[in-house]
Amino acid sequence: MPVSALLCFCTCPDPATAERLAEALVGERLAACANIVPGLRSIYRWQGTVERADEVLLLVKTQARLLQRLQERLLELHPYELPGLVAVEIDHGLPATLRWIADETRLEPIPE
């Protein structure tokens, strides 16, 4: 059965926040993996003004069926009023990697 996997991009204000979010999402099995990428410079429009910020990028691998739950949890945990979260479908990848994403984001434990 094909796995409908997503790669979610989320900006964070600092490495500590990104790590806290990653630990929660992976620990709660809403993500199989979260990568923290430092050194992001964001330029964006917020409330009518162009803003600039040094941020950290959090890359989250999950299943499409978990996106709504992941979004809800992120809104609870993220310090931003509006977290910058977008998700793209993973169209191609190693089948074993896609299966791993599915296995690690099961809400029930995998039988041994």
N, C-alpha and C. Protein backbone atom coordinates (compact mmCIF):
# COMPACT_ATOMS: atom_id res chain seq x y z
N MET A 1 0.84 -1.18 0.00
CA MET A 1 0.00 0.00 0.00
C MET A 1 0.89 1.24 0.00
N PRO A 2 0.69 2.18 -0.93
CA PRO A 2 1.53 3.38 -0.97
C PRO A 2 1.31 4.27 0.26
N VAL A 3 2.36 4.91 0.68
CA VAL A 3 2.30 5.80 1.82
C VAL A 3 2.17 7.23 1.31
N SER A 4 1.21 7.97 1.85
CA SER A 4 1.05 9.36 1.51
C SER A 4 1.83 10.19 2.53
N ALA A 5 3.07 10.52 2.17
CA ALA A 5 3.96 11.22 3.10
C ALA A 5 4.06 12.69 2.76
N LEU A 6 4.38 13.48 3.77
CA LEU A 6 4.54 14.93 3.62
C LEU A 6 5.86 15.37 4.21
N LEU A 7 6.39 16.44 3.65
CA LEU A 7 7.51 17.15 4.23
C LEU A 7 6.97 18.52 4.62
N CYS A 8 6.98 18.82 5.91
CA CYS A 8 6.45 20.08 6.41
C CYS A 8 7.60 21.02 6.75
N PHE A 9 7.46 22.26 6.37
CA PHE A 9 8.45 23.29 6.64
C PHE A 9 7.86 24.22 7.70
N CYS A 10 8.60 24.45 8.77
CA CYS A 10 8.11 25.32 9.84
C CYS A 10 9.26 26.20 10.32
N THR A 11 9.04 27.50 10.33
CA THR A 11 10.06 28.41 10.83
C THR A 11 9.92 28.57 12.34
N CYS A 12 11.07 28.70 13.00
CA CYS A 12 11.13 28.83 14.46
C CYS A 12 12.05 30.00 14.80
N PRO A 13 11.82 30.62 15.96
CA PRO A 13 12.64 31.79 16.30
C PRO A 13 14.07 31.47 16.71
N ASP A 14 14.32 30.22 17.17
CA ASP A 14 15.66 29.88 17.65
C ASP A 14 15.81 28.36 17.72
N PRO A 15 17.06 27.88 17.86
CA PRO A 15 17.30 26.44 17.91
C PRO A 15 16.59 25.74 19.08
N ALA A 16 16.51 26.37 20.23
CA ALA A 16 15.88 25.73 21.39
C ALA A 16 14.39 25.48 21.12
N THR A 17 13.72 26.43 20.50
CA THR A 17 12.31 26.24 20.16
C THR A 17 12.16 25.12 19.15
N ALA A 18 13.00 25.12 18.12
CA ALA A 18 12.93 24.08 17.09
C ALA A 18 13.14 22.71 17.71
N GLU A 19 14.11 22.60 18.63
CA GLU A 19 14.37 21.31 19.26
C GLU A 19 13.19 20.87 20.15
N ARG A 20 12.61 21.80 20.86
CA ARG A 20 11.46 21.49 21.71
C ARG A 20 10.28 21.00 20.87
N LEU A 21 10.02 21.68 19.77
CA LEU A 21 8.94 21.27 18.87
C LEU A 21 9.24 19.90 18.25
N ALA A 22 10.47 19.69 17.79
CA ALA A 22 10.85 18.43 17.18
C ALA A 22 10.68 17.28 18.17
N GLU A 23 11.16 17.46 19.39
CA GLU A 23 11.04 16.42 20.42
C GLU A 23 9.57 16.07 20.66
N ALA A 24 8.72 17.07 20.74
CA ALA A 24 7.30 16.83 21.00
C ALA A 24 6.65 16.09 19.84
N LEU A 25 6.87 16.55 18.62
CA LEU A 25 6.22 15.94 17.45
C LEU A 25 6.68 14.51 17.22
N VAL A 26 7.99 14.26 17.36
CA VAL A 26 8.50 12.90 17.18
C VAL A 26 8.08 12.04 18.38
N GLY A 27 8.18 12.58 19.56
CA GLY A 27 7.80 11.83 20.75
C GLY A 27 6.34 11.41 20.76
N GLU A 28 5.48 12.25 20.19
CA GLU A 28 4.04 11.96 20.13
C GLU A 28 3.66 11.20 18.86
N ARG A 29 4.65 10.80 18.09
CA ARG A 29 4.48 10.03 16.85
C ARG A 29 3.69 10.79 15.78
N LEU A 30 3.70 12.10 15.86
CA LEU A 30 3.10 12.91 14.80
C LEU A 30 4.10 13.14 13.67
N ALA A 31 5.36 12.84 13.94
CA ALA A 31 6.43 12.96 12.94
C ALA A 31 7.38 11.79 13.11
N ALA A 32 7.90 11.30 11.99
CA ALA A 32 8.92 10.25 12.05
C ALA A 32 10.29 10.86 12.31
N CYS A 33 10.46 12.09 11.84
CA CYS A 33 11.76 12.74 11.92
C CYS A 33 11.55 14.24 11.81
N ALA A 34 12.40 14.99 12.48
CA ALA A 34 12.40 16.44 12.33
C ALA A 34 13.86 16.89 12.24
N ASN A 35 14.18 17.61 11.19
CA ASN A 35 15.53 18.12 10.99
C ASN A 35 15.54 19.60 11.32
N ILE A 36 16.57 20.04 12.02
CA ILE A 36 16.71 21.44 12.41
C ILE A 36 17.83 22.05 11.57
N VAL A 37 17.47 23.08 10.82
CA VAL A 37 18.41 23.74 9.91
C VAL A 37 18.62 25.18 10.39
N PRO A 38 19.78 25.49 10.94
CA PRO A 38 20.05 26.85 11.42
C PRO A 38 20.41 27.79 10.27
N GLY A 39 20.48 29.07 10.60
CA GLY A 39 21.02 30.04 9.67
C GLY A 39 20.02 30.56 8.63
N LEU A 40 18.75 30.53 8.94
CA LEU A 40 17.72 30.99 8.01
C LEU A 40 17.51 32.49 8.21
N ARG A 41 17.47 33.23 7.13
CA ARG A 41 17.14 34.67 7.18
C ARG A 41 15.82 34.83 6.46
N SER A 42 14.79 35.26 7.19
CA SER A 42 13.45 35.40 6.62
C SER A 42 13.11 36.87 6.41
N ILE A 43 12.52 37.14 5.27
CA ILE A 43 11.97 38.45 4.96
C ILE A 43 10.52 38.20 4.59
N TYR A 44 9.61 38.82 5.30
CA TYR A 44 8.19 38.52 5.14
C TYR A 44 7.34 39.75 5.47
N ARG A 45 6.12 39.72 4.99
CA ARG A 45 5.19 40.79 5.30
C ARG A 45 4.32 40.33 6.46
N TRP A 46 4.23 41.16 7.51
CA TRP A 46 3.41 40.84 8.68
C TRP A 46 2.71 42.11 9.14
N GLN A 47 1.40 42.05 9.16
CA GLN A 47 0.56 43.16 9.61
C GLN A 47 0.93 44.47 8.90
N GLY A 48 1.09 44.36 7.58
CA GLY A 48 1.32 45.53 6.74
C GLY A 48 2.74 46.04 6.67
N THR A 49 3.67 45.38 7.33
CA THR A 49 5.06 45.83 7.36
C THR A 49 5.98 44.72 6.89
N VAL A 50 7.01 45.08 6.14
CA VAL A 50 8.02 44.10 5.75
C VAL A 50 8.95 43.91 6.94
N GLU A 51 9.08 42.67 7.37
CA GLU A 51 9.89 42.32 8.54
C GLU A 51 11.08 41.46 8.10
N ARG A 52 12.09 41.41 8.94
CA ARG A 52 13.25 40.56 8.74
C ARG A 52 13.54 39.87 10.07
N ALA A 53 13.93 38.59 9.98
CA ALA A 53 14.24 37.86 11.21
C ALA A 53 15.23 36.74 10.92
N ASP A 54 16.12 36.51 11.87
CA ASP A 54 16.97 35.32 11.84
C ASP A 54 16.15 34.21 12.47
N GLU A 55 16.00 33.11 11.74
CA GLU A 55 15.17 32.00 12.21
C GLU A 55 15.88 30.68 12.00
N VAL A 56 15.21 29.62 12.41
CA VAL A 56 15.67 28.25 12.24
C VAL A 56 14.57 27.52 11.50
N LEU A 57 14.94 26.67 10.56
CA LEU A 57 13.95 25.92 9.80
C LEU A 57 13.82 24.52 10.38
N LEU A 58 12.58 24.12 10.61
CA LEU A 58 12.28 22.78 11.08
C LEU A 58 11.64 22.03 9.92
N LEU A 59 12.26 20.91 9.51
CA LEU A 59 11.73 20.06 8.45
C LEU A 59 11.14 18.83 9.12
N VAL A 60 9.86 18.57 8.88
CA VAL A 60 9.15 17.50 9.59
C VAL A 60 8.61 16.50 8.57
N LYS A 61 8.94 15.21 8.77
CA LYS A 61 8.44 14.15 7.89
C LYS A 61 7.29 13.44 8.60
N THR A 62 6.13 13.37 7.92
CA THR A 62 4.95 12.78 8.53
C THR A 62 4.07 12.17 7.45
N GLN A 63 2.95 11.61 7.88
CA GLN A 63 1.95 11.10 6.95
C GLN A 63 0.89 12.17 6.70
N ALA A 64 0.32 12.18 5.52
CA ALA A 64 -0.70 13.16 5.17
C ALA A 64 -1.89 13.09 6.13
N ARG A 65 -2.25 11.89 6.55
CA ARG A 65 -3.42 11.74 7.43
C ARG A 65 -3.22 12.37 8.81
N LEU A 66 -1.97 12.68 9.16
CA LEU A 66 -1.68 13.28 10.46
C LEU A 66 -1.50 14.79 10.41
N LEU A 67 -1.62 15.38 9.24
CA LEU A 67 -1.33 16.81 9.10
C LEU A 67 -2.21 17.67 10.02
N GLN A 68 -3.48 17.40 10.07
CA GLN A 68 -4.36 18.23 10.90
C GLN A 68 -3.97 18.16 12.37
N ARG A 69 -3.66 16.96 12.85
CA ARG A 69 -3.24 16.80 14.24
C ARG A 69 -1.90 17.48 14.49
N LEU A 70 -0.99 17.36 13.53
CA LEU A 70 0.31 18.02 13.65
C LEU A 70 0.12 19.54 13.71
N GLN A 71 -0.74 20.07 12.86
CA GLN A 71 -1.00 21.51 12.84
C GLN A 71 -1.57 21.96 14.19
N GLU A 72 -2.54 21.21 14.71
CA GLU A 72 -3.16 21.58 15.98
C GLU A 72 -2.12 21.58 17.10
N ARG A 73 -1.27 20.56 17.13
CA ARG A 73 -0.26 20.48 18.17
C ARG A 73 0.76 21.60 18.04
N LEU A 74 1.14 21.90 16.81
CA LEU A 74 2.08 22.98 16.57
C LEU A 74 1.51 24.32 17.05
N LEU A 75 0.24 24.54 16.80
CA LEU A 75 -0.40 25.79 17.26
C LEU A 75 -0.39 25.88 18.79
N GLU A 76 -0.49 24.75 19.46
CA GLU A 76 -0.44 24.73 20.93
C GLU A 76 0.95 25.05 21.45
N LEU A 77 1.99 24.57 20.75
CA LEU A 77 3.35 24.63 21.26
C LEU A 77 4.19 25.80 20.74
N HIS A 78 3.89 26.30 19.56
CA HIS A 78 4.75 27.29 18.90
C HIS A 78 4.56 28.67 19.52
N PRO A 79 5.66 29.41 19.73
CA PRO A 79 5.53 30.74 20.32
C PRO A 79 4.99 31.82 19.37
N TYR A 80 5.05 31.59 18.07
CA TYR A 80 4.55 32.60 17.13
C TYR A 80 3.02 32.65 17.15
N GLU A 81 2.49 33.84 16.95
CA GLU A 81 1.04 34.00 16.81
C GLU A 81 0.54 33.20 15.61
N LEU A 82 1.30 33.23 14.54
CA LEU A 82 0.97 32.48 13.33
C LEU A 82 2.22 31.74 12.88
N PRO A 83 2.36 30.47 13.28
CA PRO A 83 3.54 29.71 12.85
C PRO A 83 3.59 29.58 11.33
N GLY A 84 4.78 29.73 10.77
CA GLY A 84 4.95 29.56 9.33
C GLY A 84 5.07 28.08 9.01
N LEU A 85 3.96 27.44 8.73
CA LEU A 85 3.95 26.01 8.43
C LEU A 85 3.33 25.78 7.06
N VAL A 86 4.06 25.09 6.21
CA VAL A 86 3.54 24.63 4.92
C VAL A 86 3.98 23.19 4.74
N ALA A 87 3.19 22.44 3.97
CA ALA A 87 3.49 21.03 3.75
C ALA A 87 3.45 20.73 2.26
N VAL A 88 4.37 19.90 1.82
CA VAL A 88 4.38 19.46 0.43
C VAL A 88 4.38 17.93 0.42
N GLU A 89 3.73 17.38 -0.58
CA GLU A 89 3.69 15.93 -0.71
C GLU A 89 5.05 15.41 -1.16
N ILE A 90 5.42 14.28 -0.64
CA ILE A 90 6.63 13.60 -1.08
C ILE A 90 6.19 12.64 -2.19
N ASP A 91 6.45 13.03 -3.43
CA ASP A 91 6.03 12.22 -4.58
C ASP A 91 6.92 11.00 -4.80
N HIS A 92 8.19 11.15 -4.49
CA HIS A 92 9.15 10.08 -4.75
C HIS A 92 10.08 9.95 -3.56
N GLY A 93 10.58 8.76 -3.37
CA GLY A 93 11.54 8.50 -2.31
C GLY A 93 11.81 7.01 -2.26
N LEU A 94 12.82 6.64 -1.52
CA LEU A 94 13.08 5.22 -1.34
C LEU A 94 11.86 4.58 -0.69
N PRO A 95 11.34 3.51 -1.25
CA PRO A 95 10.17 2.85 -0.65
C PRO A 95 10.39 2.52 0.83
N ALA A 96 11.58 2.10 1.19
CA ALA A 96 11.85 1.78 2.59
C ALA A 96 11.77 3.03 3.47
N THR A 97 12.20 4.17 2.94
CA THR A 97 12.11 5.42 3.71
C THR A 97 10.66 5.81 3.91
N LEU A 98 9.86 5.71 2.87
CA LEU A 98 8.44 6.05 2.98
C LEU A 98 7.73 5.11 3.95
N ARG A 99 8.10 3.84 3.91
CA ARG A 99 7.51 2.86 4.84
C ARG A 99 7.91 3.21 6.27
N TRP A 100 9.17 3.62 6.46
CA TRP A 100 9.67 4.02 7.78
C TRP A 100 8.87 5.20 8.32
N ILE A 101 8.59 6.19 7.47
CA ILE A 101 7.78 7.33 7.90
C ILE A 101 6.41 6.82 8.39
N ALA A 102 5.80 5.92 7.63
CA ALA A 102 4.50 5.38 8.03
C ALA A 102 4.61 4.60 9.34
N ASP A 103 5.62 3.77 9.47
CA ASP A 103 5.77 2.95 10.67
C ASP A 103 6.00 3.80 11.92
N GLU A 104 6.81 4.84 11.79
CA GLU A 104 7.16 5.65 12.95
C GLU A 104 6.09 6.67 13.33
N THR A 105 5.09 6.83 12.49
CA THR A 105 4.01 7.76 12.82
C THR A 105 2.71 7.03 13.09
N ARG A 106 2.79 5.73 13.33
CA ARG A 106 1.61 5.00 13.75
C ARG A 106 1.23 5.44 15.15
N LEU A 107 -0.04 5.64 15.37
CA LEU A 107 -0.47 6.07 16.69
C LEU A 107 -0.53 4.90 17.66
N GLU A 108 -0.58 3.69 17.11
CA GLU A 108 -0.51 2.50 17.96
C GLU A 108 0.86 1.85 17.75
N PRO A 109 1.38 1.17 18.77
CA PRO A 109 2.72 0.56 18.62
C PRO A 109 2.73 -0.51 17.52
N ILE A 110 3.88 -0.66 16.89
CA ILE A 110 4.06 -1.69 15.88
C ILE A 110 4.23 -3.02 16.61
N PRO A 111 3.48 -4.07 16.20
CA PRO A 111 3.66 -5.36 16.85
C PRO A 111 5.08 -5.87 16.66
N GLU A 112 5.65 -6.43 17.70
CA GLU A 112 7.02 -6.96 17.65
C GLU A 112 7.03 -8.32 16.98
